[in-house]
Amino acid sequence: MGRVETVGVAALLVLALSGCTGGPPAPAQPSPTAAPSAAPVSLETGTDVGNGRPAVSHDGLMVRRRAVIAVHPAPEADLGALRAQLERAAAAGGTVLSGISPDVLDPGVLEHLSPDLILALPPGSTSDDAQKLAELAFGPEGSNPGVEHIHAASVLVHDLQFTVQAADPAASAHAIAEEGILSDALGNYATSLKGRTLTVSYTGPLLSDALVESVRNGIARGAGVEPATVSLVPRSTTGEGVDLSREPEPAPEPSAEDSADHEGHNEGAAPEDTASHGTGTDDSGH
């Protein structure tokens, strides 16, 4: 997964969101499925802080820690069945899982894992909770033939709420959905209507300041108002946020040469992509 390609896509999104006035964008092409890894099953925990962290000033309560479970299934495994196993194990303990983009993971983790399934635990959960849930769902390491590799981690996510006043909020939400720009920029987001207020909520990978402003412009365009009237606040004002100036930078994505050298010397070994393995991290959650 090349860095140049990632930066190029982000730049195109910013340009599209800032100045798109034409017809609907071309449908996004599905990402190619990564080839199955030959690495043995292992269960790891760590703290990953985003995929090549962008320039972000919207932090504090707008940035939260979330525990995630990323699964790389064995070849021909039933992905739906694996997700159902995780959700059943979570439900038994009163936990509700939610889907989230793999881009919340560190680039080094993505390089080696390329998860086909990633789910987030509720706010307040830790990576240790994620590891215990994965073990409950899939059994001890190496015991489930459908699972090739699992990564349990604490990641940083943006937890944002955009609000705008519109003459017809339902029509505005429809216009935003039809244009498709928020879907391209945010992936998953939720809308809610109350009176003349349209709210767009997002929890996912950290967004650059430029992309946040472009999202604001897209919402304003759909509502027929000025971008300055679109407010941006944390989705929740309780709990503990994150000061990004105090967070370590994410590990860089390994180069192709480094990856080849690593595979040549450690073939079949679980990669050391986190500071601790199987011990969890001491995080505070949402």
Foldseek 3Di string as FASTA:
>chain_A
DDPVVVVVLLVVLLVCLQDPDDAADDDDDDDDQDDADPAAAFEFEFAFEFEQDAADPPWWLQKWKWKKKFFAWDPPFDPVVLVVLLQVLQVVVPWHKAFADPRQGYLQCCVRRVGPGMIITDFQDFLLNVRVSNCSSQNPTRPHNTTGYMYIYIYMKGWKKKKAFAPDQVQLVVQLVNNCSCCSLQVDWDWDDDDRMIMITGIYGDDHPSSVLSVLSSSCVSRVHDSVRIDMDGPDPDDTIDDVVPDDGGDHNDDPVVVVVCCVVQPNHDDPRHPGTPPTDDDRGD
